[in-house]
Amino acid sequence: MDQDSLSPLEGSKGHIAHSQPSVLHVCTSCRARGAQREPKENRAGFKLYQNLRRILEESPLASYVMVKPAECLSLCPRPCGIALSSPGAWSYLFADQDPEQSPDDIVKCISIYLNTKEGFMPRDRRPASLGASVMGRIPPQGGLCVTDNSSSKTRGQ
């Protein structure tokens, strides 16, 4: 991985402002259909978790993101799953990650995430493998306000 491409928080504009690191949850129970459940260390999700934890601990992003194991992200038909979140920012859920092929793109995506306002990442800004594998995006709690014009109309008009 090119460490220079991981410039965390490039300047002070637009990045996620938070007092605690972002969190990358990795589903450690993910496994290919038909693969043995045990030993846990052989599961693809567990291998992805180990690879991401190692790569991120050695990267400039280490103080900005924590990698945490998740028992299950409920993406069983599309293993391996990850979730990226930060306080006051958009959260993302991705499927179809490969323990050997995906870690570099995931780390690039985290760098992009950290350098965007409220973590909002349009599909075309993410690495291609993460553009196609997004399962959902959740707005920040207490963040964005969407105006509902229908509620401003008075009854009886």
C-alpha atoms as a PDB file:
ATOM      1  CA  MET A   1       0.000   0.000   0.000  1.00  0.00           C
ATOM      2  CA  ASP A   2       1.292   3.467  -0.873  1.00  0.00           C
ATOM      3  CA  GLN A   3       1.456   5.172   2.528  1.00  0.00           C
ATOM      4  CA  ASP A   4       1.704   8.631   0.885  1.00  0.00           C
ATOM      5  CA  SER A   5      -1.794   8.230  -0.587  1.00  0.00           C
ATOM      6  CA  LEU A   6      -3.175   7.954   2.943  1.00  0.00           C
ATOM      7  CA  SER A   7      -2.812  11.573   3.962  1.00  0.00           C
ATOM      8  CA  PRO A   8      -5.209  11.675   6.900  1.00  0.00           C
ATOM      9  CA  LEU A   9      -7.190  14.845   7.329  1.00  0.00           C
ATOM     10  CA  GLU A  10      -5.695  16.846   4.489  1.00  0.00           C
ATOM     11  CA  GLY A  11      -6.066  20.279   5.984  1.00  0.00           C
ATOM     12  CA  SER A  12      -8.853  21.349   8.272  1.00  0.00           C
ATOM     13  CA  LYS A  13     -11.645  21.898   5.745  1.00  0.00           C
ATOM     14  CA  GLY A  14     -14.256  19.248   5.092  1.00  0.00           C
ATOM     15  CA  HIS A  15     -12.913  16.474   7.277  1.00  0.00           C
ATOM     16  CA  ILE A  16     -14.878  14.682   9.909  1.00  0.00           C
ATOM     17  CA  ALA A  17     -14.487  16.665  13.109  1.00  0.00           C
ATOM     18  CA  HIS A  18     -14.632  14.268  16.015  1.00  0.00           C
ATOM     19  CA  SER A  19     -13.036  13.786  19.371  1.00  0.00           C
ATOM     20  CA  GLN A  20     -12.868  10.024  19.033  1.00  0.00           C
ATOM     21  CA  PRO A  21     -11.607   7.820  16.204  1.00  0.00           C
ATOM     22  CA  SER A  22     -13.832   6.470  13.471  1.00  0.00           C
ATOM     23  CA  VAL A  23     -14.687   2.787  13.784  1.00  0.00           C
ATOM     24  CA  LEU A  24     -14.343   0.076  11.178  1.00  0.00           C
ATOM     25  CA  HIS A  25     -16.334  -2.981  12.233  1.00  0.00           C
ATOM     26  CA  VAL A  26     -15.397  -6.178  10.435  1.00  0.00           C
ATOM     27  CA  CYS A  27     -17.699  -9.190  10.560  1.00  0.00           C
ATOM     28  CA  THR A  28     -15.533 -11.992  11.881  1.00  0.00           C
ATOM     29  CA  SER A  29     -18.184 -14.674  11.412  1.00  0.00           C
ATOM     30  CA  CYS A  30     -18.420 -14.195   7.622  1.00  0.00           C
ATOM     31  CA  ARG A  31     -17.525 -17.263   5.627  1.00  0.00           C
ATOM     32  CA  ALA A  32     -18.075 -18.525   2.126  1.00  0.00           C
ATOM     33  CA  ARG A  33     -21.141 -20.690   1.583  1.00  0.00           C
ATOM     34  CA  GLY A  34     -20.288 -24.247   2.530  1.00  0.00           C
ATOM     35  CA  ALA A  35     -17.102 -23.317   4.397  1.00  0.00           C
ATOM     36  CA  GLN A  36     -16.593 -24.816   7.838  1.00  0.00           C
ATOM     37  CA  ARG A  37     -17.633 -22.701  10.828  1.00  0.00           C
ATOM     38  CA  GLU A  38     -14.675 -23.800  12.921  1.00  0.00           C
ATOM     39  CA  PRO A  39     -11.982 -22.998  13.550  1.00  0.00           C
ATOM     40  CA  LYS A  40     -12.958 -19.326  13.601  1.00  0.00           C
ATOM     41  CA  GLU A  41      -9.460 -18.334  12.447  1.00  0.00           C
ATOM     42  CA  ASN A  42     -10.158 -19.948   9.059  1.00  0.00           C
ATOM     43  CA  ARG A  43     -13.233 -17.841   8.323  1.00  0.00           C
ATOM     44  CA  ALA A  44     -12.803 -15.249   5.605  1.00  0.00           C
ATOM     45  CA  GLY A  45     -14.249 -12.511   7.836  1.00  0.00           C
ATOM     46  CA  PHE A  46     -11.779 -13.242  10.607  1.00  0.00           C
ATOM     47  CA  LYS A  47      -8.894 -13.164   8.105  1.00  0.00           C
ATOM     48  CA  LEU A  48     -10.177  -9.824   6.735  1.00  0.00           C
ATOM     49  CA  TYR A  49     -10.309  -8.432  10.276  1.00  0.00           C
ATOM     50  CA  GLN A  50      -6.733  -9.538  10.983  1.00  0.00           C
ATOM     51  CA  ASN A  51      -5.409  -8.105   7.705  1.00  0.00           C
ATOM     52  CA  LEU A  52      -7.163  -4.759   8.160  1.00  0.00           C
ATOM     53  CA  ARG A  53      -6.092  -4.436  11.777  1.00  0.00           C
ATOM     54  CA  ARG A  54      -2.457  -5.076  10.832  1.00  0.00           C
ATOM     55  CA  ILE A  55      -2.484  -2.702   7.842  1.00  0.00           C
ATOM     56  CA  LEU A  56      -4.230   0.119   9.701  1.00  0.00           C
ATOM     57  CA  GLU A  57      -1.999  -0.171  12.778  1.00  0.00           C
ATOM     58  CA  GLU A  58       0.985   0.410  10.482  1.00  0.00           C
ATOM     59  CA  SER A  59      -0.593   3.268   8.497  1.00  0.00           C
ATOM     60  CA  PRO A  60      -0.814   7.036   9.060  1.00  0.00           C
ATOM     61  CA  LEU A  61      -4.533   6.462   9.740  1.00  0.00           C
ATOM     62  CA  ALA A  62      -3.828   4.495  12.939  1.00  0.00           C
ATOM     63  CA  SER A  63      -4.832   7.327  15.287  1.00  0.00           C
ATOM     64  CA  TYR A  64      -7.961   8.152  13.273  1.00  0.00           C
ATOM     65  CA  VAL A  65      -9.651   4.759  12.990  1.00  0.00           C
ATOM     66  CA  MET A  66     -10.143   1.734  15.241  1.00  0.00           C
ATOM     67  CA  VAL A  67     -10.695  -1.705  13.752  1.00  0.00           C
ATOM     68  CA  LYS A  68     -13.149  -3.720  15.819  1.00  0.00           C
ATOM     69  CA  PRO A  69     -14.453  -7.247  15.326  1.00  0.00           C
ATOM     70  CA  ALA A  70     -18.202  -7.668  14.930  1.00  0.00           C
ATOM     71  CA  GLU A  71     -19.819 -11.020  15.656  1.00  0.00           C
ATOM     72  CA  CYS A  72     -22.260 -10.608  12.764  1.00  0.00           C
ATOM     73  CA  LEU A  73     -23.257  -7.775  10.417  1.00  0.00           C
ATOM     74  CA  SER A  74     -26.120  -9.857   8.967  1.00  0.00           C
ATOM     75  CA  LEU A  75     -24.719  -9.917   5.420  1.00  0.00           C
ATOM     76  CA  CYS A  76     -24.474 -13.706   5.285  1.00  0.00           C
ATOM     77  CA  PRO A  77     -25.475 -14.075   1.610  1.00  0.00           C
ATOM     78  CA  ARG A  78     -22.736 -11.571   0.657  1.00  0.00           C
ATOM     79  CA  PRO A  79     -19.659 -12.150   2.839  1.00  0.00           C
ATOM     80  CA  CYS A  80     -17.439 -10.447   3.943  1.00  0.00           C
ATOM     81  CA  GLY A  81     -19.050  -7.420   5.583  1.00  0.00           C
ATOM     82  CA  ILE A  82     -17.652  -4.213   7.027  1.00  0.00           C
ATOM     83  CA  ALA A  83     -19.227  -1.106   8.551  1.00  0.00           C
ATOM     84  CA  LEU A  84     -17.609   2.338   8.794  1.00  0.00           C
ATOM     85  CA  SER A  85     -18.896   4.991  11.187  1.00  0.00           C
ATOM     86  CA  SER A  86     -17.967   8.166  13.063  1.00  0.00           C
ATOM     87  CA  PRO A  87     -19.849  10.356  15.522  1.00  0.00           C
ATOM     88  CA  GLY A  88     -21.804  13.026  13.620  1.00  0.00           C
ATOM     89  CA  ALA A  89     -21.058  11.471  10.233  1.00  0.00           C
ATOM     90  CA  TRP A  90     -22.625   9.167   7.681  1.00  0.00           C
ATOM     91  CA  SER A  91     -22.204   5.437   8.346  1.00  0.00           C
ATOM     92  CA  TYR A  92     -21.649   2.873   5.592  1.00  0.00           C
ATOM     93  CA  LEU A  93     -22.209  -0.856   5.277  1.00  0.00           C
ATOM     94  CA  PHE A  94     -20.311  -2.818   2.623  1.00  0.00           C
ATOM     95  CA  ALA A  95     -20.504  -6.479   1.563  1.00  0.00           C
ATOM     96  CA  ASP A  96     -18.483  -8.735  -0.758  1.00  0.00           C
ATOM     97  CA  GLN A  97     -15.035  -7.932   0.649  1.00  0.00           C
ATOM     98  CA  ASP A  98     -12.161 -10.340   0.059  1.00  0.00           C
ATOM     99  CA  PRO A  99      -9.643 -10.883   2.894  1.00  0.00           C
ATOM    100  CA  GLU A 100      -6.670 -10.731   0.515  1.00  0.00           C
ATOM    101  CA  GLN A 101      -7.829  -8.393  -2.275  1.00  0.00           C
ATOM    102  CA  SER A 102      -9.961  -5.771  -0.474  1.00  0.00           C
ATOM    103  CA  PRO A 103      -7.844  -4.341   2.388  1.00  0.00           C
ATOM    104  CA  ASP A 104      -5.977  -1.757   0.277  1.00  0.00           C
ATOM    105  CA  ASP A 105      -9.228  -0.404  -1.219  1.00  0.00           C
ATOM    106  CA  ILE A 106     -10.880  -0.388   2.212  1.00  0.00           C
ATOM    107  CA  VAL A 107      -8.010   1.663   3.647  1.00  0.00           C
ATOM    108  CA  LYS A 108      -8.208   4.082   0.685  1.00  0.00           C
ATOM    109  CA  CYS A 109     -11.952   4.394   1.302  1.00  0.00           C
ATOM    110  CA  ILE A 110     -11.348   5.182   4.979  1.00  0.00           C
ATOM    111  CA  SER A 111      -8.915   7.935   3.977  1.00  0.00           C
ATOM    112  CA  ILE A 112     -11.538   9.420   1.647  1.00  0.00           C
ATOM    113  CA  TYR A 113     -14.185   9.105   4.370  1.00  0.00           C
ATOM    114  CA  LEU A 114     -12.049  10.945   6.893  1.00  0.00           C
ATOM    115  CA  ASN A 115     -11.390  13.756   4.418  1.00  0.00           C
ATOM    116  CA  THR A 116     -15.015  14.486   3.515  1.00  0.00           C
ATOM    117  CA  LYS A 117     -17.584  16.639   5.208  1.00  0.00           C
ATOM    118  CA  GLU A 118     -19.693  14.495   7.542  1.00  0.00           C
ATOM    119  CA  GLY A 119     -18.226  11.376   5.933  1.00  0.00           C
ATOM    120  CA  PHE A 120     -20.416  11.757   2.854  1.00  0.00           C
ATOM    121  CA  MET A 121     -18.820   9.741   0.043  1.00  0.00           C
ATOM    122  CA  PRO A 122     -20.524   9.746  -3.334  1.00  0.00           C
ATOM    123  CA  ARG A 123     -20.173   6.388  -5.075  1.00  0.00           C
ATOM    124  CA  ASP A 124     -17.786   7.795  -7.699  1.00  0.00           C
ATOM    125  CA  ARG A 125     -15.319   8.957  -5.003  1.00  0.00           C
ATOM    126  CA  ARG A 126     -14.952   5.492  -3.451  1.00  0.00           C
ATOM    127  CA  PRO A 127     -12.599   2.854  -4.843  1.00  0.00           C
ATOM    128  CA  ALA A 128     -14.501   0.909  -7.517  1.00  0.00           C
ATOM    129  CA  SER A 129     -14.722  -2.257  -5.433  1.00  0.00           C
ATOM    130  CA  LEU A 130     -16.487  -0.345  -2.662  1.00  0.00           C
ATOM    131  CA  GLY A 131     -18.765   1.564  -5.023  1.00  0.00           C
ATOM    132  CA  ALA A 132     -20.429  -1.648  -6.147  1.00  0.00           C
ATOM    133  CA  SER A 133     -20.512  -3.349  -2.760  1.00  0.00           C
ATOM    134  CA  VAL A 134     -22.272  -0.706  -0.671  1.00  0.00           C
ATOM    135  CA  MET A 135     -25.301  -2.160   1.100  1.00  0.00           C
ATOM    136  CA  GLY A 136     -26.446   1.001   2.800  1.00  0.00           C
ATOM    137  CA  ARG A 137     -25.651   4.483   4.009  1.00  0.00           C
ATOM    138  CA  ILE A 138     -27.085   5.871   7.245  1.00  0.00           C
ATOM    139  CA  PRO A 139     -27.352   9.637   7.911  1.00  0.00           C
ATOM    140  CA  PRO A 140     -25.626  11.089  10.962  1.00  0.00           C
ATOM    141  CA  GLN A 141     -27.699  11.164  14.132  1.00  0.00           C
ATOM    142  CA  GLY A 142     -28.903  14.686  14.848  1.00  0.00           C
ATOM    143  CA  GLY A 143     -27.180  15.841  11.685  1.00  0.00           C
ATOM    144  CA  LEU A 144     -28.767  16.522   8.352  1.00  0.00           C
ATOM    145  CA  CYS A 145     -32.103  18.229   8.213  1.00  0.00           C
ATOM    146  CA  VAL A 146     -34.379  17.467   5.296  1.00  0.00           C
ATOM    147  CA  THR A 147     -37.307  19.786   4.826  1.00  0.00           C
ATOM    148  CA  ASP A 148     -40.642  18.043   4.466  1.00  0.00           C
ATOM    149  CA  ASN A 149     -42.766  20.531   2.541  1.00  0.00           C
ATOM    150  CA  SER A 150     -45.909  18.488   3.130  1.00  0.00           C
ATOM    151  CA  SER A 151     -45.747  19.114   6.884  1.00  0.00           C
ATOM    152  CA  SER A 152     -45.676  22.889   6.417  1.00  0.00           C
ATOM    153  CA  LYS A 153     -49.092  22.943   4.748  1.00  0.00           C
ATOM    154  CA  THR A 154     -51.974  23.742   7.037  1.00  0.00           C
ATOM    155  CA  ARG A 155     -54.852  21.322   7.289  1.00  0.00           C
ATOM    156  CA  GLY A 156     -58.023  22.113   5.442  1.00  0.00           C
ATOM    157  CA  GLN A 157     -56.431  23.980   2.534  1.00  0.00           C
END
